[in-house]
Amino acid sequence: MTTTTSRTDAPLAHNPVLRVPPAPAATAAAYFAAALAFHTDVSDVAAALAGDGDPGFVLVDCRSTEAWDQGHVPGALHLPNAVIPERAEHLLDKAVPVVTYCWGPGCNGALRAAGALAELGFQVKEMLGGFEYWAREGLPYETWEGPRRQEADPLTVPVGADDCGC
C-alpha cells in the first residue's frame, strides 16, 4: 500500500522559507491591508502627481539640503528630519495626508520622518523605494542645476510598457 504525504506533513526544519509557517489567511489579509495603509510606491506616487489637479497628499523629502540639491521629486516639499519637530506644523495641513521619502530602500529616513509626523498628528505614508527608485524608474527629477531624467533601469520598470501590471 502506498501512502502520500501532503506538503504540510513534510519536515520543515531544513526549509528556510517554511521553518516558520505562513500566518493563517485571515491574519495575513489583515497584515497586508495594514501595510498598504502605511506604504505606497514610486509608481503610484508618480501616477497621482501626473493626474489632473490636486493629488490629495503632500510629498515630503526628508533628506539633507545636500541630498535635496543632488536630486528631488518635482513638487516635493523639502522638510529634513532634523527640523520636522519645529517646522512641520507650520508647513503642513493635518487634514492633508503626507507621503515621505528619503534616498532609497537602504535608508530608513522616510520611516523616521513618517513616525515623527504621525506623532505630531499627521496622516502619513512612506514611499517605498525613495528617490533612488524614482530616478531608476526614469521619472523626471530636479537638481540644483535644473531638471534631469535618466534612462529607466530594466531591473526596476518594464521597458516598452506603461506599467508592470501589479
C-alpha atoms as a PDB file:
ATOM      1  CA  MET A   1       0.000   0.000   0.000  1.00  0.00           C
ATOM      2  CA  THR A   2       1.298   3.439  -0.961  1.00  0.00           C
ATOM      3  CA  THR A   3       0.744   6.408   1.262  1.00  0.00           C
ATOM      4  CA  THR A   4       1.067  10.011   0.224  1.00  0.00           C
ATOM      5  CA  THR A   5       2.301  12.813   2.363  1.00  0.00           C
ATOM      6  CA  SER A   6       0.920  16.292   1.944  1.00  0.00           C
ATOM      7  CA  ARG A   7       3.334  19.173   1.835  1.00  0.00           C
ATOM      8  CA  THR A   8       2.213  20.216   5.297  1.00  0.00           C
ATOM      9  CA  ASP A   9       3.260  16.830   6.715  1.00  0.00           C
ATOM     10  CA  ALA A  10       6.802  17.059   5.351  1.00  0.00           C
ATOM     11  CA  PRO A  11       9.529  18.050   7.800  1.00  0.00           C
ATOM     12  CA  LEU A  12      10.141  21.782   7.541  1.00  0.00           C
ATOM     13  CA  ALA A  13      13.181  22.100   9.788  1.00  0.00           C
ATOM     14  CA  HIS A  14      15.543  22.273   6.799  1.00  0.00           C
ATOM     15  CA  ASN A  15      13.378  24.588   4.698  1.00  0.00           C
ATOM     16  CA  PRO A  16      14.412  28.183   5.487  1.00  0.00           C
ATOM     17  CA  VAL A  17      11.253  29.594   3.902  1.00  0.00           C
ATOM     18  CA  LEU A  18       8.798  27.431   5.816  1.00  0.00           C
ATOM     19  CA  ARG A  19      10.736  26.910   9.056  1.00  0.00           C
ATOM     20  CA  VAL A  20       8.298  29.468  10.442  1.00  0.00           C
ATOM     21  CA  PRO A  21       4.984  28.608   8.786  1.00  0.00           C
ATOM     22  CA  PRO A  22       2.941  31.277   6.998  1.00  0.00           C
ATOM     23  CA  ALA A  23       0.340  33.070   9.061  1.00  0.00           C
ATOM     24  CA  PRO A  24      -3.280  31.985   8.763  1.00  0.00           C
ATOM     25  CA  ALA A  25      -5.007  33.586   5.772  1.00  0.00           C
ATOM     26  CA  ALA A  26      -7.149  35.970   7.850  1.00  0.00           C
ATOM     27  CA  THR A  27      -4.111  37.178   9.798  1.00  0.00           C
ATOM     28  CA  ALA A  28      -2.145  37.655   6.588  1.00  0.00           C
ATOM     29  CA  ALA A  29      -5.025  39.578   4.973  1.00  0.00           C
ATOM     30  CA  ALA A  30      -5.180  41.956   7.951  1.00  0.00           C
ATOM     31  CA  TYR A  31      -1.404  42.439   7.923  1.00  0.00           C
ATOM     32  CA  PHE A  32      -1.201  43.196   4.198  1.00  0.00           C
ATOM     33  CA  ALA A  33      -4.180  45.574   4.362  1.00  0.00           C
ATOM     34  CA  ALA A  34      -2.471  47.391   7.225  1.00  0.00           C
ATOM     35  CA  ALA A  35       0.831  47.526   5.321  1.00  0.00           C
ATOM     36  CA  LEU A  36      -0.889  49.267   2.405  1.00  0.00           C
ATOM     37  CA  ALA A  37      -2.209  51.869   4.852  1.00  0.00           C
ATOM     38  CA  PHE A  38       1.402  52.696   5.778  1.00  0.00           C
ATOM     39  CA  HIS A  39       3.196  52.378   2.425  1.00  0.00           C
ATOM     40  CA  THR A  40       2.922  53.440  -1.177  1.00  0.00           C
ATOM     41  CA  ASP A  41       5.399  53.123  -4.016  1.00  0.00           C
ATOM     42  CA  VAL A  42       7.135  55.291  -6.571  1.00  0.00           C
ATOM     43  CA  SER A  43       4.862  54.268  -9.448  1.00  0.00           C
ATOM     44  CA  ASP A  44       1.689  55.093  -7.540  1.00  0.00           C
ATOM     45  CA  VAL A  45       3.066  58.447  -6.373  1.00  0.00           C
ATOM     46  CA  ALA A  46       4.160  59.314  -9.921  1.00  0.00           C
ATOM     47  CA  ALA A  47       0.720  58.397 -11.296  1.00  0.00           C
ATOM     48  CA  ALA A  48      -1.034  60.519  -8.657  1.00  0.00           C
ATOM     49  CA  LEU A  49       1.251  63.502  -9.292  1.00  0.00           C
ATOM     50  CA  ALA A  50       0.766  63.192 -13.061  1.00  0.00           C
ATOM     51  CA  GLY A  51      -3.011  63.318 -12.767  1.00  0.00           C
ATOM     52  CA  ASP A  52      -5.119  66.403 -13.268  1.00  0.00           C
ATOM     53  CA  GLY A  53      -5.317  68.638 -10.231  1.00  0.00           C
ATOM     54  CA  ASP A  54      -4.511  68.020  -6.604  1.00  0.00           C
ATOM     55  CA  PRO A  55      -3.058  64.553  -5.883  1.00  0.00           C
ATOM     56  CA  GLY A  56      -4.637  64.611  -2.416  1.00  0.00           C
ATOM     57  CA  PHE A  57      -1.361  64.458  -0.493  1.00  0.00           C
ATOM     58  CA  VAL A  58       1.859  66.387   0.092  1.00  0.00           C
ATOM     59  CA  LEU A  59       5.096  64.648  -0.875  1.00  0.00           C
ATOM     60  CA  VAL A  60       7.862  65.326   1.659  1.00  0.00           C
ATOM     61  CA  ASP A  61      11.569  64.815   1.032  1.00  0.00           C
ATOM     62  CA  CYS A  62      13.118  64.363   4.470  1.00  0.00           C
ATOM     63  CA  ARG A  63      16.787  64.337   3.383  1.00  0.00           C
ATOM     64  CA  SER A  64      19.506  66.921   3.937  1.00  0.00           C
ATOM     65  CA  THR A  65      19.879  70.048   1.819  1.00  0.00           C
ATOM     66  CA  GLU A  66      22.872  68.479   0.056  1.00  0.00           C
ATOM     67  CA  ALA A  67      20.803  65.421  -0.896  1.00  0.00           C
ATOM     68  CA  TRP A  68      17.864  67.610  -1.974  1.00  0.00           C
ATOM     69  CA  ASP A  69      20.175  69.645  -4.214  1.00  0.00           C
ATOM     70  CA  GLN A  70      21.568  66.466  -5.771  1.00  0.00           C
ATOM     71  CA  GLY A  71      18.064  65.460  -6.854  1.00  0.00           C
ATOM     72  CA  HIS A  72      14.456  65.500  -5.687  1.00  0.00           C
ATOM     73  CA  VAL A  73      10.971  64.789  -6.966  1.00  0.00           C
ATOM     74  CA  PRO A  74       9.389  67.821  -8.671  1.00  0.00           C
ATOM     75  CA  GLY A  75       6.743  69.349  -6.432  1.00  0.00           C
ATOM     76  CA  ALA A  76       8.056  67.733  -3.243  1.00  0.00           C
ATOM     77  CA  LEU A  77       8.350  69.788  -0.077  1.00  0.00           C
ATOM     78  CA  HIS A  78      11.809  69.777   1.499  1.00  0.00           C
ATOM     79  CA  LEU A  79      11.432  69.065   5.210  1.00  0.00           C
ATOM     80  CA  PRO A  80      14.563  67.426   6.616  1.00  0.00           C
ATOM     81  CA  ASN A  81      14.143  65.032   9.530  1.00  0.00           C
ATOM     82  CA  ALA A  82      16.158  67.323  11.786  1.00  0.00           C
ATOM     83  CA  VAL A  83      13.594  70.138  11.533  1.00  0.00           C
ATOM     84  CA  ILE A  84      10.311  68.202  11.472  1.00  0.00           C
ATOM     85  CA  PRO A  85       9.502  68.918  15.157  1.00  0.00           C
ATOM     86  CA  GLU A  86       9.901  72.694  14.701  1.00  0.00           C
ATOM     87  CA  ARG A  87       8.614  73.231  11.156  1.00  0.00           C
ATOM     88  CA  ALA A  88       6.057  70.561  10.217  1.00  0.00           C
ATOM     89  CA  GLU A  89       3.032  72.217  11.788  1.00  0.00           C
ATOM     90  CA  HIS A  90       3.879  75.500  10.036  1.00  0.00           C
ATOM     91  CA  LEU A  91       4.321  73.918   6.600  1.00  0.00           C
ATOM     92  CA  LEU A  92       1.749  71.109   6.517  1.00  0.00           C
ATOM     93  CA  ASP A  93      -2.005  70.838   6.991  1.00  0.00           C
ATOM     94  CA  LYS A  94      -3.099  67.967   9.255  1.00  0.00           C
ATOM     95  CA  ALA A  95      -6.164  67.472   7.053  1.00  0.00           C
ATOM     96  CA  VAL A  96      -3.950  66.572   4.063  1.00  0.00           C
ATOM     97  CA  PRO A  97      -2.137  63.208   4.032  1.00  0.00           C
ATOM     98  CA  VAL A  98       1.651  63.271   3.784  1.00  0.00           C
ATOM     99  CA  VAL A  99       3.898  60.866   1.861  1.00  0.00           C
ATOM    100  CA  THR A 100       7.536  60.784   2.949  1.00  0.00           C
ATOM    101  CA  TYR A 101      10.609  59.680   1.031  1.00  0.00           C
ATOM    102  CA  CYS A 102      14.365  59.534   1.529  1.00  0.00           C
ATOM    103  CA  TRP A 103      17.264  58.075  -0.509  1.00  0.00           C
ATOM    104  CA  GLY A 104      16.116  54.532  -1.133  1.00  0.00           C
ATOM    105  CA  PRO A 105      15.364  51.100   0.264  1.00  0.00           C
ATOM    106  CA  GLY A 106      18.620  51.021   2.227  1.00  0.00           C
ATOM    107  CA  CYS A 107      17.707  54.174   4.149  1.00  0.00           C
ATOM    108  CA  ASN A 108      15.148  54.440   6.931  1.00  0.00           C
ATOM    109  CA  GLY A 109      14.933  58.234   6.876  1.00  0.00           C
ATOM    110  CA  ALA A 110      11.438  58.215   5.363  1.00  0.00           C
ATOM    111  CA  LEU A 111      10.319  55.779   8.057  1.00  0.00           C
ATOM    112  CA  ARG A 112      11.693  58.058  10.773  1.00  0.00           C
ATOM    113  CA  ALA A 113      10.049  61.087   9.149  1.00  0.00           C
ATOM    114  CA  ALA A 114       6.720  59.269   8.897  1.00  0.00           C
ATOM    115  CA  GLY A 115       6.943  58.332  12.573  1.00  0.00           C
ATOM    116  CA  ALA A 116       7.767  61.886  13.631  1.00  0.00           C
ATOM    117  CA  LEU A 117       4.906  63.304  11.556  1.00  0.00           C
ATOM    118  CA  ALA A 118       2.459  60.714  12.890  1.00  0.00           C
ATOM    119  CA  GLU A 119       3.449  61.643  16.447  1.00  0.00           C
ATOM    120  CA  LEU A 120       2.546  65.246  15.567  1.00  0.00           C
ATOM    121  CA  GLY A 121      -0.902  64.128  14.388  1.00  0.00           C
ATOM    122  CA  PHE A 122      -0.413  63.903  10.615  1.00  0.00           C
ATOM    123  CA  GLN A 123      -1.802  61.128   8.405  1.00  0.00           C
ATOM    124  CA  VAL A 124       1.268  59.699   6.716  1.00  0.00           C
ATOM    125  CA  LYS A 125       2.565  57.024   4.365  1.00  0.00           C
ATOM    126  CA  GLU A 126       6.104  56.119   3.345  1.00  0.00           C
ATOM    127  CA  MET A 127       7.053  55.969  -0.350  1.00  0.00           C
ATOM    128  CA  LEU A 128       8.935  52.705  -0.755  1.00  0.00           C
ATOM    129  CA  GLY A 129      11.994  52.916  -2.986  1.00  0.00           C
ATOM    130  CA  GLY A 130      12.675  56.562  -2.207  1.00  0.00           C
ATOM    131  CA  PHE A 131      14.464  58.923  -4.540  1.00  0.00           C
ATOM    132  CA  GLU A 132      16.696  56.107  -5.816  1.00  0.00           C
ATOM    133  CA  TYR A 133      13.805  54.238  -7.381  1.00  0.00           C
ATOM    134  CA  TRP A 134      12.201  57.462  -8.605  1.00  0.00           C
ATOM    135  CA  ALA A 135      15.330  58.121 -10.663  1.00  0.00           C
ATOM    136  CA  ARG A 136      15.879  54.450 -11.587  1.00  0.00           C
ATOM    137  CA  GLU A 137      12.349  54.226 -12.991  1.00  0.00           C
ATOM    138  CA  GLY A 138      13.246  57.018 -15.402  1.00  0.00           C
ATOM    139  CA  LEU A 139      10.989  59.616 -13.814  1.00  0.00           C
ATOM    140  CA  PRO A 140      11.914  63.301 -14.055  1.00  0.00           C
ATOM    141  CA  TYR A 141      13.654  64.950 -11.130  1.00  0.00           C
ATOM    142  CA  GLU A 142      15.154  68.298 -10.277  1.00  0.00           C
ATOM    143  CA  THR A 143      18.687  69.151  -9.153  1.00  0.00           C
ATOM    144  CA  TRP A 144      20.390  72.384  -8.195  1.00  0.00           C
ATOM    145  CA  GLU A 145      21.485  72.533 -11.836  1.00  0.00           C
ATOM    146  CA  GLY A 146      17.976  72.039 -13.260  1.00  0.00           C
ATOM    147  CA  PRO A 147      15.686  69.243 -14.462  1.00  0.00           C
ATOM    148  CA  ARG A 148      17.060  65.762 -15.123  1.00  0.00           C
ATOM    149  CA  ARG A 149      15.841  62.389 -16.275  1.00  0.00           C
ATOM    150  CA  GLN A 150      17.774  59.184 -16.821  1.00  0.00           C
ATOM    151  CA  GLU A 151      17.024  56.035 -18.793  1.00  0.00           C
ATOM    152  CA  ALA A 152      14.740  53.627 -16.970  1.00  0.00           C
ATOM    153  CA  ASP A 153      16.549  50.717 -15.363  1.00  0.00           C
ATOM    154  CA  PRO A 154      15.064  47.498 -16.827  1.00  0.00           C
ATOM    155  CA  LEU A 155      15.515  45.858 -13.410  1.00  0.00           C
ATOM    156  CA  THR A 156      13.038  48.275 -11.836  1.00  0.00           C
ATOM    157  CA  VAL A 157      10.477  49.008 -14.557  1.00  0.00           C
ATOM    158  CA  PRO A 158       9.341  47.165 -17.672  1.00  0.00           C
ATOM    159  CA  VAL A 159      10.843  48.663 -20.810  1.00  0.00           C
ATOM    160  CA  GLY A 160       8.306  49.425 -23.522  1.00  0.00           C
ATOM    161  CA  ALA A 161       5.268  49.069 -21.239  1.00  0.00           C
ATOM    162  CA  ASP A 162       3.206  51.632 -19.356  1.00  0.00           C
ATOM    163  CA  ASP A 163       3.381  49.716 -16.078  1.00  0.00           C
ATOM    164  CA  CYS A 164       4.288  46.354 -14.579  1.00  0.00           C
ATOM    165  CA  GLY A 165       0.684  45.286 -14.188  1.00  0.00           C
ATOM    166  CA  CYS A 166       0.808  44.968 -10.429  1.00  0.00           C
END
